[in-house]
C-alpha atoms as a PDB file:
ATOM      1  CA  MET A   1     -12.745  -3.792  11.802  1.00  0.00           C
ATOM      2  CA  ILE A   2      -9.842  -1.420  11.557  1.00  0.00           C
ATOM      3  CA  THR A   3     -10.362   2.528  12.171  1.00  0.00           C
ATOM      4  CA  GLN A   4      -7.897   4.894  11.965  1.00  0.00           C
ATOM      5  CA  ASP A   5      -6.862   6.915  14.879  1.00  0.00           C
ATOM      6  CA  THR A   6      -7.403  10.880  15.111  1.00  0.00           C
ATOM      7  CA  GLU A   7      -3.894  11.693  14.672  1.00  0.00           C
ATOM      8  CA  HIS A   8      -2.426  13.022  11.274  1.00  0.00           C
ATOM      9  CA  ASP A   9       0.409  11.893   9.051  1.00  0.00           C
ATOM     10  CA  GLY A  10       3.600  13.679   9.052  1.00  0.00           C
ATOM     11  CA  PRO A  11       6.358  14.314   8.125  1.00  0.00           C
ATOM     12  CA  TRP A  12       7.526  14.558  11.871  1.00  0.00           C
ATOM     13  CA  THR A  13      11.065  15.156  13.269  1.00  0.00           C
ATOM     14  CA  PRO A  14      11.496  12.241  15.783  1.00  0.00           C
ATOM     15  CA  THR A  15      12.350  13.156  19.251  1.00  0.00           C
ATOM     16  CA  TRP A  16      12.128   9.607  21.058  1.00  0.00           C
ATOM     17  CA  LYS A  17      14.534   8.537  23.807  1.00  0.00           C
ATOM     18  CA  PRO A  18      15.520   5.027  25.061  1.00  0.00           C
ATOM     19  CA  LEU A  19      12.682   3.454  27.040  1.00  0.00           C
ATOM     20  CA  SER A  20      12.385   0.809  29.578  1.00  0.00           C
ATOM     21  CA  PRO A  21      10.373  -2.370  29.091  1.00  0.00           C
ATOM     22  CA  GLU A  22       7.562  -1.163  30.907  1.00  0.00           C
ATOM     23  CA  GLN A  23       7.475   2.057  29.299  1.00  0.00           C
ATOM     24  CA  ARG A  24       7.414   0.382  25.845  1.00  0.00           C
ATOM     25  CA  ARG A  25       4.759  -1.629  27.042  1.00  0.00           C
ATOM     26  CA  VAL A  26       2.384   1.375  28.114  1.00  0.00           C
ATOM     27  CA  LEU A  27       3.306   3.171  25.102  1.00  0.00           C
ATOM     28  CA  GLY A  28       2.721   0.326  22.773  1.00  0.00           C
ATOM     29  CA  VAL A  29      -0.821  -0.260  24.432  1.00  0.00           C
ATOM     30  CA  LEU A  30      -1.870   3.303  23.834  1.00  0.00           C
ATOM     31  CA  ILE A  31      -1.018   3.057  20.298  1.00  0.00           C
ATOM     32  CA  GLU A  32      -2.634  -0.389  19.703  1.00  0.00           C
ATOM     33  CA  LYS A  33      -5.788   0.615  21.584  1.00  0.00           C
ATOM     34  CA  ALA A  34      -6.110   4.000  19.555  1.00  0.00           C
ATOM     35  CA  LYS A  35      -6.212   1.990  16.344  1.00  0.00           C
ATOM     36  CA  THR A  36      -8.077  -0.941  17.221  1.00  0.00           C
ATOM     37  CA  THR A  37     -10.677   0.277  19.956  1.00  0.00           C
ATOM     38  CA  PRO A  38     -11.087   3.812  19.074  1.00  0.00           C
ATOM     39  CA  ALA A  39     -14.276   4.265  21.083  1.00  0.00           C
ATOM     40  CA  THR A  40     -12.375   3.537  24.407  1.00  0.00           C
ATOM     41  CA  TYR A  41      -9.674   6.164  23.342  1.00  0.00           C
ATOM     42  CA  PRO A  42      -8.276   8.292  24.900  1.00  0.00           C
ATOM     43  CA  MET A  43      -7.671   5.794  27.759  1.00  0.00           C
ATOM     44  CA  THR A  44      -7.811   5.846  31.556  1.00  0.00           C
ATOM     45  CA  HIS A  45      -5.199   4.476  33.956  1.00  0.00           C
ATOM     46  CA  ASN A  46      -7.299   1.490  34.586  1.00  0.00           C
ATOM     47  CA  ALA A  47      -7.783   1.012  30.858  1.00  0.00           C
ATOM     48  CA  ILE A  48      -4.123   1.063  30.357  1.00  0.00           C
ATOM     49  CA  LEU A  49      -3.241  -1.121  33.032  1.00  0.00           C
ATOM     50  CA  LEU A  50      -5.566  -4.010  31.757  1.00  0.00           C
ATOM     51  CA  GLY A  51      -3.777  -3.615  28.179  1.00  0.00           C
ATOM     52  CA  CYS A  52      -0.512  -3.800  29.743  1.00  0.00           C
ATOM     53  CA  ASN A  53      -1.213  -6.879  31.641  1.00  0.00           C
ATOM     54  CA  GLN A  54      -3.334  -8.816  29.003  1.00  0.00           C
ATOM     55  CA  LYS A  55      -2.229 -12.311  28.059  1.00  0.00           C
ATOM     56  CA  ASN A  56      -2.574 -11.949  24.172  1.00  0.00           C
ATOM     57  CA  ASN A  57      -0.339 -10.256  22.050  1.00  0.00           C
ATOM     58  CA  ARG A  58       2.207  -9.429  24.567  1.00  0.00           C
ATOM     59  CA  ASP A  59       5.832 -10.706  25.238  1.00  0.00           C
ATOM     60  CA  PRO A  60       6.893 -10.674  27.803  1.00  0.00           C
ATOM     61  CA  LEU A  61       3.963 -11.129  30.023  1.00  0.00           C
ATOM     62  CA  MET A  62       3.828  -8.289  32.773  1.00  0.00           C
ATOM     63  CA  THR A  63       1.949  -7.922  36.003  1.00  0.00           C
ATOM     64  CA  LEU A  64       2.081  -3.993  36.579  1.00  0.00           C
ATOM     65  CA  ALA A  65       0.392  -2.510  39.448  1.00  0.00           C
ATOM     66  CA  ALA A  66      -1.933   0.791  39.195  1.00  0.00           C
ATOM     67  CA  ALA A  67       0.800   2.795  40.628  1.00  0.00           C
ATOM     68  CA  ASP A  68       3.247   1.578  38.348  1.00  0.00           C
ATOM     69  CA  VAL A  69       1.035   2.768  35.469  1.00  0.00           C
ATOM     70  CA  GLU A  70       0.569   5.953  36.902  1.00  0.00           C
ATOM     71  CA  ARG A  71       4.345   6.580  37.582  1.00  0.00           C
ATOM     72  CA  ILE A  72       5.127   5.201  33.827  1.00  0.00           C
ATOM     73  CA  LEU A  73       2.750   7.696  32.446  1.00  0.00           C
ATOM     74  CA  GLU A  74       4.156  10.542  34.134  1.00  0.00           C
ATOM     75  CA  GLU A  75       7.585   9.656  32.824  1.00  0.00           C
ATOM     76  CA  LEU A  76       6.465   9.244  29.159  1.00  0.00           C
ATOM     77  CA  ARG A  77       4.812  12.558  29.617  1.00  0.00           C
ATOM     78  CA  VAL A  78       7.914  14.208  30.703  1.00  0.00           C
ATOM     79  CA  LEU A  79       9.638  12.228  27.321  1.00  0.00           C
ATOM     80  CA  GLY A  80       6.867  13.781  25.385  1.00  0.00           C
ATOM     81  CA  ALA A  81       5.701  10.449  24.119  1.00  0.00           C
ATOM     82  CA  VAL A  82       2.260  10.701  25.888  1.00  0.00           C
ATOM     83  CA  THR A  83      -0.155  13.703  26.661  1.00  0.00           C
ATOM     84  CA  GLU A  84      -3.173  13.951  28.917  1.00  0.00           C
ATOM     85  CA  ALA A  85      -6.397  14.441  26.967  1.00  0.00           C
ATOM     86  CA  HIS A  86      -7.770  17.680  27.983  1.00  0.00           C
ATOM     87  CA  GLU A  87     -11.032  16.950  26.479  1.00  0.00           C
ATOM     88  CA  SER A  88     -11.894  14.316  29.045  1.00  0.00           C
ATOM     89  CA  THR A  89     -14.029  15.900  31.886  1.00  0.00           C
ATOM     90  CA  ARG A  90     -15.065  12.940  33.937  1.00  0.00           C
ATOM     91  CA  SER A  91     -11.710  10.992  34.650  1.00  0.00           C
ATOM     92  CA  THR A  92      -8.098  11.763  33.686  1.00  0.00           C
ATOM     93  CA  LYS A  93      -7.328  10.063  30.379  1.00  0.00           C
ATOM     94  CA  PHE A  94      -4.337   9.880  28.022  1.00  0.00           C
ATOM     95  CA  ARG A  95      -3.182   9.916  24.468  1.00  0.00           C
ATOM     96  CA  HIS A  96       0.040   8.777  22.762  1.00  0.00           C
ATOM     97  CA  ARG A  97       2.231  11.054  20.683  1.00  0.00           C
ATOM     98  CA  GLY A  98       3.839   8.028  18.713  1.00  0.00           C
ATOM     99  CA  TYR A  99       3.533   9.934  15.209  1.00  0.00           C
ATOM    100  CA  GLU A 100       5.549  13.027  16.287  1.00  0.00           C
ATOM    101  CA  TRP A 101       7.693  11.059  18.840  1.00  0.00           C
ATOM    102  CA  LEU A 102       8.857   8.196  16.590  1.00  0.00           C
ATOM    103  CA  GLY A 103       8.697  10.307  13.390  1.00  0.00           C
ATOM    104  CA  VAL A 104       6.338   7.661  11.587  1.00  0.00           C
ATOM    105  CA  GLU A 105       3.211   7.456   9.733  1.00  0.00           C
ATOM    106  CA  ARG A 106       0.100   5.328  10.182  1.00  0.00           C
ATOM    107  CA  ALA A 107       1.089   1.911   8.796  1.00  0.00           C
ATOM    108  CA  GLU A 108       4.533   2.304  10.194  1.00  0.00           C
ATOM    109  CA  LEU A 109       3.247   3.152  13.556  1.00  0.00           C
ATOM    110  CA  ALA A 110       1.377   0.194  13.445  1.00  0.00           C
ATOM    111  CA  VAL A 111       4.373  -2.085  12.605  1.00  0.00           C
ATOM    112  CA  MET A 112       6.448   0.042  15.577  1.00  0.00           C
ATOM    113  CA  ALA A 113       3.573  -0.728  18.116  1.00  0.00           C
ATOM    114  CA  GLU A 114       3.931  -4.470  17.402  1.00  0.00           C
ATOM    115  CA  LEU A 115       7.684  -4.120  18.230  1.00  0.00           C
ATOM    116  CA  LEU A 116       6.957  -2.423  20.998  1.00  0.00           C
ATOM    117  CA  LEU A 117       4.617  -4.963  22.428  1.00  0.00           C
ATOM    118  CA  ARG A 118       6.305  -8.079  21.167  1.00  0.00           C
ATOM    119  CA  GLY A 119       9.743  -7.523  19.918  1.00  0.00           C
ATOM    120  CA  ALA A 120      11.379  -9.415  17.114  1.00  0.00           C
ATOM    121  CA  GLN A 121       9.321 -11.618  14.783  1.00  0.00           C
ATOM    122  CA  THR A 122       9.064 -12.798  11.255  1.00  0.00           C
ATOM    123  CA  LEU A 123       7.649 -10.734   8.522  1.00  0.00           C
ATOM    124  CA  GLY A 124       4.636 -13.103   8.388  1.00  0.00           C
ATOM    125  CA  GLU A 125       3.992 -12.747  11.990  1.00  0.00           C
ATOM    126  CA  LEU A 126       4.575  -8.903  11.779  1.00  0.00           C
ATOM    127  CA  ARG A 127       2.164  -8.452   9.166  1.00  0.00           C
ATOM    128  CA  THR A 128      -0.716 -10.298  10.507  1.00  0.00           C
ATOM    129  CA  ARG A 129      -0.531  -8.665  13.971  1.00  0.00           C
ATOM    130  CA  ALA A 130      -0.129  -5.117  12.329  1.00  0.00           C
ATOM    131  CA  ALA A 131      -2.922  -5.743   9.860  1.00  0.00           C
ATOM    132  CA  ARG A 132      -4.954  -5.418  12.894  1.00  0.00           C
ATOM    133  CA  MET A 133      -4.453  -1.881  13.221  1.00  0.00           C
ATOM    134  CA  GLU A 134      -3.815  -0.630   9.442  1.00  0.00           C
ATOM    135  CA  PRO A 135      -4.419  -2.236   6.148  1.00  0.00           C
ATOM    136  CA  ILE A 136      -1.588  -4.472   5.314  1.00  0.00           C
ATOM    137  CA  PRO A 137      -2.952  -6.853   3.161  1.00  0.00           C
ATOM    138  CA  ASP A 138      -0.064  -9.172   2.321  1.00  0.00           C
ATOM    139  CA  LEU A 139       3.905  -9.630   2.480  1.00  0.00           C
ATOM    140  CA  PRO A 140       4.421  -7.445  -0.763  1.00  0.00           C
ATOM    141  CA  ALA A 141       2.547  -4.384   1.111  1.00  0.00           C
ATOM    142  CA  LEU A 142       4.640  -5.131   4.143  1.00  0.00           C
ATOM    143  CA  LYS A 143       8.083  -5.157   2.574  1.00  0.00           C
ATOM    144  CA  PRO A 144       8.202  -1.448   1.509  1.00  0.00           C
ATOM    145  CA  ILE A 145       7.285  -0.305   5.138  1.00  0.00           C
ATOM    146  CA  VAL A 146       9.697  -2.494   6.789  1.00  0.00           C
ATOM    147  CA  ALA A 147      12.376  -1.035   3.850  1.00  0.00           C
ATOM    148  CA  ALA A 148      11.636   2.203   4.953  1.00  0.00           C
ATOM    149  CA  LEU A 149      12.071   1.541   8.664  1.00  0.00           C
ATOM    150  CA  VAL A 150      15.161  -0.155   8.204  1.00  0.00           C
ATOM    151  CA  LYS A 151      16.548   2.602   6.112  1.00  0.00           C
ATOM    152  CA  ARG A 152      15.836   5.156   8.698  1.00  0.00           C
ATOM    153  CA  GLY A 153      17.265   3.003  11.318  1.00  0.00           C
ATOM    154  CA  LEU A 154      14.182   2.012  13.282  1.00  0.00           C
ATOM    155  CA  MET A 155      14.470  -1.617  12.256  1.00  0.00           C
ATOM    156  CA  ILE A 156      17.173  -4.400  11.704  1.00  0.00           C
ATOM    157  CA  GLU A 157      17.210  -7.518   9.557  1.00  0.00           C
ATOM    158  CA  LEU A 158      18.239 -10.265  11.700  1.00  0.00           C
ATOM    159  CA  THR A 159      18.082 -13.032   9.251  1.00  0.00           C
ATOM    160  CA  PRO A 160      18.669 -12.659   5.591  1.00  0.00           C
ATOM    161  CA  PRO A 161      15.692 -11.844   3.151  1.00  0.00           C
ATOM    162  CA  GLY A 162      13.570 -14.903   2.261  1.00  0.00           C
ATOM    163  CA  ARG A 163      11.013 -17.190   3.643  1.00  0.00           C
ATOM    164  CA  GLY A 164      10.795 -16.799   7.547  1.00  0.00           C
ATOM    165  CA  GLN A 165      12.877 -13.704   7.664  1.00  0.00           C
ATOM    166  CA  ILE A 166      12.964 -12.471  11.126  1.00  0.00           C
ATOM    167  CA  VAL A 167      13.327  -8.614  11.597  1.00  0.00           C
ATOM    168  CA  GLY A 168      13.589  -6.777  14.886  1.00  0.00           C
ATOM    169  CA  PRO A 169      13.837  -3.073  16.311  1.00  0.00           C
ATOM    170  CA  ARG A 170      16.986  -1.184  16.951  1.00  0.00           C
ATOM    171  CA  SER A 171      17.691   2.132  18.486  1.00  0.00           C
ATOM    172  CA  ARG A 172      19.109   4.336  15.902  1.00  0.00           C
ATOM    173  CA  GLY A 173      21.507   4.474  12.913  1.00  0.00           C
ATOM    174  CA  SER A 174      22.148   1.725  10.126  1.00  0.00           C
ATOM    175  CA  ALA A 175      24.926  -0.592   9.258  1.00  0.00           C
ATOM    176  CA  SER A 176      26.006   1.899   6.700  1.00  0.00           C
ATOM    177  CA  GLY A 177      26.732   4.264   9.760  1.00  0.00           C
ATOM    178  CA  SER A 178      23.844   6.731   8.904  1.00  0.00           C
ATOM    179  CA  THR A 179      21.873   7.981  11.958  1.00  0.00           C
ATOM    180  CA  SER A 180      18.557   9.416  12.982  1.00  0.00           C
ATOM    181  CA  SER A 181      19.648  10.515  16.241  1.00  0.00           C
ATOM    182  CA  SER A 182      18.460  13.838  17.610  1.00  0.00           C
ATOM    183  CA  PRO A 183      21.283  16.108  19.057  1.00  0.00           C
ATOM    184  CA  GLY A 184      22.554  15.436  22.399  1.00  0.00           C
ATOM    185  CA  SER A 185      21.224  11.699  22.225  1.00  0.00           C
ATOM    186  CA  PRO A 186      22.953   9.010  23.639  1.00  0.00           C
ATOM    187  CA  PRO A 187      25.506   6.680  21.862  1.00  0.00           C
ATOM    188  CA  ASP A 188      24.078   3.515  19.971  1.00  0.00           C
ATOM    189  CA  PRO A 189      24.016   0.236  21.775  1.00  0.00           C
ATOM    190  CA  ALA A 190      26.000  -2.517  19.706  1.00  0.00           C
ATOM    191  CA  GLU A 191      23.525  -3.880  17.430  1.00  0.00           C
ATOM    192  CA  PRO A 192      22.468  -7.703  17.522  1.00  0.00           C
ATOM    193  CA  LYS A 193      24.250 -10.120  15.310  1.00  0.00           C
ATOM    194  CA  ARG A 194      22.853 -12.871  13.065  1.00  0.00           C
ATOM    195  CA  SER A 195      24.950 -15.173  14.759  1.00  0.00           C
ATOM    196  CA  ASP A 196      23.390 -14.274  18.230  1.00  0.00           C
ATOM    197  CA  ARG A 197      20.244 -15.875  16.924  1.00  0.00           C
ATOM    198  CA  ALA A 198      21.883 -19.016  16.011  1.00  0.00           C
ATOM    199  CA  ALA A 199      22.793 -19.488  19.649  1.00  0.00           C
ATOM    200  CA  ASN A 200      19.129 -19.464  20.714  1.00  0.00           C
ATOM    201  CA  PRO A 201      17.915 -23.132  20.682  1.00  0.00           C
ATOM    202  CA  GLY A 202      14.298 -21.809  19.950  1.00  0.00           C
ATOM    203  CA  GLY A 203      15.650 -20.548  16.710  1.00  0.00           C
ATOM    204  CA  ARG A 204      14.087 -16.825  17.419  1.00  0.00           C
ATOM    205  CA  PRO A 205      15.312 -13.871  19.376  1.00  0.00           C
ATOM    206  CA  GLN A 206      13.173 -13.544  22.554  1.00  0.00           C
ATOM    207  CA  ALA A 207      11.674 -10.359  23.744  1.00  0.00           C
ATOM    208  CA  PHE A 208      13.937  -8.033  21.785  1.00  0.00           C
ATOM    209  CA  ALA A 209      12.030  -4.824  22.114  1.00  0.00           C
ATOM    210  CA  TRP A 210      12.248  -1.251  20.907  1.00  0.00           C
ATOM    211  CA  PRO A 211      13.628   1.134  21.871  1.00  0.00           C
ATOM    212  CA  PRO A 212      16.298  -0.502  24.022  1.00  0.00           C
ATOM    213  CA  ALA A 213      16.204  -0.019  27.939  1.00  0.00           C
ATOM    214  CA  ARG A 214      18.230   2.578  29.307  1.00  0.00           C
ATOM    215  CA  SER A 215      20.798   0.161  30.662  1.00  0.00           C
ATOM    216  CA  ALA A 216      21.431  -1.136  27.046  1.00  0.00           C
ATOM    217  CA  ILE A 217      22.966   2.102  26.514  1.00  0.00           C
ATOM    218  CA  ASP A 218      26.075   1.264  28.335  1.00  0.00           C
ATOM    219  CA  SER A 219      25.914  -2.522  27.713  1.00  0.00           C
ATOM    220  CA  GLY A 220      26.930  -4.529  24.692  1.00  0.00           C
ATOM    221  CA  VAL A 221      24.642  -7.128  23.147  1.00  0.00           C
ATOM    222  CA  PRO A 222      21.066  -8.334  23.945  1.00  0.00           C
ATOM    223  CA  SER A 223      20.873 -11.525  25.576  1.00  0.00           C
ATOM    224  CA  TRP A 224      18.548 -14.027  23.845  1.00  0.00           C
ATOM    225  CA  SER A 225      18.892 -17.138  26.144  1.00  0.00           C
ATOM    226  CA  SER A 226      16.267 -19.696  25.587  1.00  0.00           C
ATOM    227  CA  ASP A 227      15.784 -20.185  29.348  1.00  0.00           C
ATOM    228  CA  THR A 228      14.703 -16.573  30.104  1.00  0.00           C
ATOM    229  CA  PRO A 229      11.384 -16.803  31.603  1.00  0.00           C
ATOM    230  CA  ALA A 230       8.518 -14.993  29.806  1.00  0.00           C
ATOM    231  CA  SER A 231       7.827 -12.593  32.912  1.00  0.00           C
ATOM    232  CA  ARG A 232      11.127 -11.181  32.681  1.00  0.00           C
ATOM    233  CA  PRO A 233      12.288  -8.417  30.270  1.00  0.00           C
ATOM    234  CA  LEU A 234      15.008  -8.720  27.919  1.00  0.00           C
ATOM    235  CA  HIS A 235      18.335  -8.037  29.234  1.00  0.00           C
ATOM    236  CA  TRP A 236      21.494  -7.134  27.799  1.00  0.00           C
ATOM    237  CA  THR A 237      25.286  -8.347  28.412  1.00  0.00           C
ATOM    238  CA  LYS A 238      28.592  -6.617  28.122  1.00  0.00           C
ATOM    239  CA  LYS A 239      30.986  -7.516  25.722  1.00  0.00           C
ATOM    240  CA  ASN A 240      34.086  -9.000  26.979  1.00  0.00           C
ATOM    241  CA  SER A 241      37.128  -6.389  26.325  1.00  0.00           C
ATOM    242  CA  ALA A 242      39.371  -9.017  25.316  1.00  0.00           C
END
């Protein structure tokens, strides 16, 4: 059963910054659990740890330690993506600030949570997974959400529209040159090309998660090699200068 979390819709002014793979995982878990299991939200360190390391609905799989989660939560708190739940009295608990930080509304946040947790995927996969969190009954209901996220520079179409279309996340901007960057933000990484997907023998980009890791800012394009172990995060490779 879907239960909406307690945050309110915007409009918000996004203030997000590029995140590491581990930061994306922690933020994605907080958003997911707020929507799917509100009775256990806000979340303790241990509950977040279990959510990060669970085997289902995660790509790539991770094995974080308790100290890792504690450190990442502090990093996200400094960035403004996470806050401590002050109403908690027995143990320290945490809330996400995804609506404000990403500048999205309820259904959009559900879609972005899936991108944080799993990366690029087909529209059918994205609808099925995001519908766990918000009512998205079918593909026609998803497409306006995707279109809005694409228009605002939060998502890119990796394959042409049609059956089996794959969409993926990106950091900022759009192909037309518009941008959702905040003042003083780092430059955009190069966007993945559709030809990059064709080089993947598996037929799909692997573990392309949003926002990009900090190292992606100075790098070129995401590597989607089919032999990348699931336990290893996406890495980016520089373009040749020639």
